[in-house]
Amino acid sequence: MTGVKGRSGRPGGNPDIKAYGFKVKGEDPLNVQVGVRISEQQKRKLDGVENWRDVFRDWIDSLPDPEPENQN
């Protein structure tokens, strides 16, 4: 039971947490969330894509860098 003193998890924590914890593919941490509204049909289509989050991240990486704005 989480949050119950003396009964929550393993005493001292998991000494091998680095071996079993979440690891990102690249070097940059994934610490920012983006929200977007989509239709039900788009959601069903997205759910049909295996690892859609990784596909979405790869798509974002493939976008060209924005042009610097003219400061005139």
N, C-alpha and C. Protein backbone atom coordinates (compact mmCIF):
# COMPACT_ATOMS: atom_id res chain seq x y z
N MET A 1 0.85 -1.18 0.00
CA MET A 1 0.00 0.00 0.00
C MET A 1 0.89 1.24 0.00
N THR A 2 0.73 2.05 -0.95
CA THR A 2 1.53 3.27 -1.01
C THR A 2 1.10 4.26 0.05
N GLY A 3 2.07 4.91 0.61
CA GLY A 3 1.77 5.96 1.56
C GLY A 3 1.51 5.49 2.97
N VAL A 4 1.51 4.19 3.22
CA VAL A 4 1.28 3.69 4.56
C VAL A 4 2.65 3.43 5.18
N LYS A 5 2.94 4.12 6.26
CA LYS A 5 4.25 4.02 6.89
C LYS A 5 4.55 2.57 7.29
N GLY A 6 5.72 2.11 6.87
CA GLY A 6 6.13 0.76 7.21
C GLY A 6 5.61 -0.31 6.27
N ARG A 7 4.78 0.03 5.34
CA ARG A 7 4.21 -0.96 4.42
C ARG A 7 4.31 -0.54 2.97
N SER A 8 5.09 0.46 2.66
CA SER A 8 5.10 0.93 1.27
C SER A 8 6.42 0.57 0.58
N GLY A 9 6.35 -0.40 -0.30
CA GLY A 9 7.51 -0.78 -1.09
C GLY A 9 8.57 -1.51 -0.30
N ARG A 10 9.74 -1.56 -0.89
CA ARG A 10 10.87 -2.24 -0.27
C ARG A 10 11.61 -1.27 0.64
N PRO A 11 11.92 -1.67 1.86
CA PRO A 11 12.68 -0.78 2.75
C PRO A 11 14.02 -0.41 2.11
N GLY A 12 14.32 0.86 2.06
CA GLY A 12 15.57 1.32 1.46
C GLY A 12 15.48 1.55 -0.03
N GLY A 13 14.33 1.25 -0.63
CA GLY A 13 14.17 1.47 -2.07
C GLY A 13 14.79 0.35 -2.88
N ASN A 14 14.84 0.53 -4.18
CA ASN A 14 15.40 -0.46 -5.09
C ASN A 14 16.85 -0.10 -5.39
N PRO A 15 17.81 -0.91 -4.94
CA PRO A 15 19.21 -0.56 -5.19
C PRO A 15 19.60 -0.64 -6.67
N ASP A 16 18.82 -1.37 -7.47
CA ASP A 16 19.12 -1.52 -8.90
C ASP A 16 18.20 -0.68 -9.77
N ILE A 17 17.71 0.45 -9.25
CA ILE A 17 16.74 1.26 -10.00
C ILE A 17 17.31 1.72 -11.34
N LYS A 18 18.61 1.99 -11.41
CA LYS A 18 19.22 2.43 -12.67
C LYS A 18 19.11 1.34 -13.74
N ALA A 19 19.17 0.09 -13.34
CA ALA A 19 19.10 -1.02 -14.30
C ALA A 19 17.69 -1.23 -14.83
N TYR A 20 16.67 -0.89 -14.02
CA TYR A 20 15.30 -1.18 -14.40
C TYR A 20 14.45 0.05 -14.70
N GLY A 21 15.01 1.23 -14.49
CA GLY A 21 14.25 2.46 -14.69
C GLY A 21 14.05 2.80 -16.16
N PHE A 22 13.22 3.79 -16.41
CA PHE A 22 12.93 4.26 -17.77
C PHE A 22 14.16 4.92 -18.37
N LYS A 23 14.47 4.60 -19.62
CA LYS A 23 15.59 5.22 -20.32
C LYS A 23 15.10 5.79 -21.65
N VAL A 24 15.52 7.01 -21.96
CA VAL A 24 15.14 7.61 -23.24
C VAL A 24 16.11 7.14 -24.31
N LYS A 25 15.67 7.20 -25.57
CA LYS A 25 16.52 6.75 -26.67
C LYS A 25 17.69 7.69 -26.92
N GLY A 26 17.41 9.00 -26.89
CA GLY A 26 18.45 9.97 -27.18
C GLY A 26 19.12 10.49 -25.94
N GLU A 27 19.88 11.57 -26.12
CA GLU A 27 20.59 12.16 -25.00
C GLU A 27 19.75 13.20 -24.28
N ASP A 28 18.78 13.79 -24.97
CA ASP A 28 17.96 14.84 -24.37
C ASP A 28 16.88 14.24 -23.48
N PRO A 29 16.68 14.79 -22.29
CA PRO A 29 15.61 14.29 -21.42
C PRO A 29 14.24 14.65 -21.99
N LEU A 30 13.27 13.79 -21.76
CA LEU A 30 11.90 14.02 -22.22
C LEU A 30 11.11 14.59 -21.05
N ASN A 31 11.27 15.89 -20.80
CA ASN A 31 10.68 16.49 -19.61
C ASN A 31 9.65 17.58 -19.92
N VAL A 32 9.22 17.70 -21.17
CA VAL A 32 8.22 18.70 -21.55
C VAL A 32 7.04 17.98 -22.19
N GLN A 33 5.83 18.35 -21.79
CA GLN A 33 4.64 17.76 -22.39
C GLN A 33 3.98 18.77 -23.32
N VAL A 34 3.39 18.25 -24.40
CA VAL A 34 2.66 19.07 -25.36
C VAL A 34 1.25 18.51 -25.47
N GLY A 35 0.27 19.37 -25.39
CA GLY A 35 -1.12 18.93 -25.52
C GLY A 35 -1.69 19.40 -26.84
N VAL A 36 -2.50 18.55 -27.45
CA VAL A 36 -3.13 18.89 -28.72
C VAL A 36 -4.51 18.25 -28.74
N ARG A 37 -5.47 18.97 -29.28
CA ARG A 37 -6.83 18.42 -29.40
C ARG A 37 -6.99 17.81 -30.79
N ILE A 38 -7.52 16.58 -30.80
CA ILE A 38 -7.74 15.88 -32.06
C ILE A 38 -9.14 15.27 -32.04
N SER A 39 -9.61 14.87 -33.21
CA SER A 39 -10.94 14.27 -33.32
C SER A 39 -10.89 12.81 -32.87
N GLU A 40 -12.07 12.22 -32.64
CA GLU A 40 -12.16 10.81 -32.27
C GLU A 40 -11.55 9.93 -33.35
N GLN A 41 -11.82 10.28 -34.61
CA GLN A 41 -11.29 9.50 -35.74
C GLN A 41 -9.76 9.56 -35.75
N GLN A 42 -9.20 10.74 -35.51
CA GLN A 42 -7.75 10.87 -35.46
C GLN A 42 -7.16 10.07 -34.30
N LYS A 43 -7.83 10.05 -33.16
CA LYS A 43 -7.37 9.30 -32.00
C LYS A 43 -7.36 7.80 -32.29
N ARG A 44 -8.40 7.30 -32.94
CA ARG A 44 -8.44 5.88 -33.31
C ARG A 44 -7.31 5.54 -34.25
N LYS A 45 -7.05 6.43 -35.20
CA LYS A 45 -5.96 6.22 -36.15
C LYS A 45 -4.62 6.21 -35.43
N LEU A 46 -4.45 7.12 -34.49
CA LEU A 46 -3.22 7.21 -33.71
C LEU A 46 -3.03 5.97 -32.85
N ASP A 47 -4.10 5.48 -32.25
CA ASP A 47 -4.03 4.28 -31.42
C ASP A 47 -3.61 3.06 -32.22
N GLY A 48 -3.83 3.08 -33.53
CA GLY A 48 -3.45 1.96 -34.38
C GLY A 48 -1.98 1.95 -34.77
N VAL A 49 -1.26 3.00 -34.43
CA VAL A 49 0.15 3.10 -34.76
C VAL A 49 0.98 2.61 -33.57
N GLU A 50 1.81 1.59 -33.81
CA GLU A 50 2.66 1.07 -32.75
C GLU A 50 3.71 2.12 -32.39
N ASN A 51 3.92 2.33 -31.12
CA ASN A 51 4.89 3.31 -30.62
C ASN A 51 4.65 4.69 -31.22
N TRP A 52 3.39 5.14 -31.20
CA TRP A 52 3.05 6.40 -31.86
C TRP A 52 3.78 7.59 -31.25
N ARG A 53 4.12 7.53 -30.00
CA ARG A 53 4.83 8.65 -29.37
C ARG A 53 6.21 8.81 -29.99
N ASP A 54 6.90 7.68 -30.21
CA ASP A 54 8.21 7.74 -30.84
C ASP A 54 8.10 8.22 -32.29
N VAL A 55 7.06 7.75 -32.98
CA VAL A 55 6.83 8.19 -34.37
C VAL A 55 6.59 9.70 -34.40
N PHE A 56 5.82 10.19 -33.45
CA PHE A 56 5.53 11.63 -33.37
C PHE A 56 6.80 12.42 -33.09
N ARG A 57 7.63 11.94 -32.15
CA ARG A 57 8.89 12.63 -31.84
C ARG A 57 9.81 12.65 -33.06
N ASP A 58 9.88 11.53 -33.79
CA ASP A 58 10.71 11.48 -35.00
C ASP A 58 10.21 12.46 -36.04
N TRP A 59 8.87 12.59 -36.16
CA TRP A 59 8.30 13.53 -37.12
C TRP A 59 8.67 14.97 -36.75
N ILE A 60 8.60 15.28 -35.47
CA ILE A 60 8.97 16.63 -35.02
C ILE A 60 10.44 16.89 -35.34
N ASP A 61 11.31 15.90 -35.10
CA ASP A 61 12.73 16.07 -35.40
C ASP A 61 12.99 16.28 -36.89
N SER A 62 12.10 15.75 -37.74
CA SER A 62 12.30 15.88 -39.19
C SER A 62 11.86 17.25 -39.72
N LEU A 63 11.15 18.02 -38.92
CA LEU A 63 10.72 19.35 -39.36
C LEU A 63 11.94 20.26 -39.52
N PRO A 64 11.90 21.15 -40.51
CA PRO A 64 13.03 22.07 -40.67
C PRO A 64 13.10 23.05 -39.51
N ASP A 65 14.31 23.50 -39.21
CA ASP A 65 14.48 24.50 -38.16
C ASP A 65 13.83 25.80 -38.62
N PRO A 66 13.21 26.52 -37.69
CA PRO A 66 12.55 27.78 -38.08
C PRO A 66 13.58 28.80 -38.57
N GLU A 67 13.15 29.57 -39.54
CA GLU A 67 13.99 30.65 -40.06
C GLU A 67 14.10 31.75 -39.01
N PRO A 68 15.28 32.31 -38.82
CA PRO A 68 15.38 33.43 -37.87
C PRO A 68 14.58 34.61 -38.37
N GLU A 69 13.93 35.30 -37.44
CA GLU A 69 13.11 36.46 -37.82
C GLU A 69 14.01 37.64 -38.15
N ASN A 70 13.57 38.42 -39.15
CA ASN A 70 14.29 39.65 -39.50
C ASN A 70 14.07 40.68 -38.41
N GLN A 71 15.13 41.30 -37.95
CA GLN A 71 15.00 42.26 -36.87
C GLN A 71 15.17 43.69 -37.39
N ASN A 72 14.51 44.03 -38.49
CA ASN A 72 14.58 45.39 -39.06
C ASN A 72 13.50 46.25 -38.52
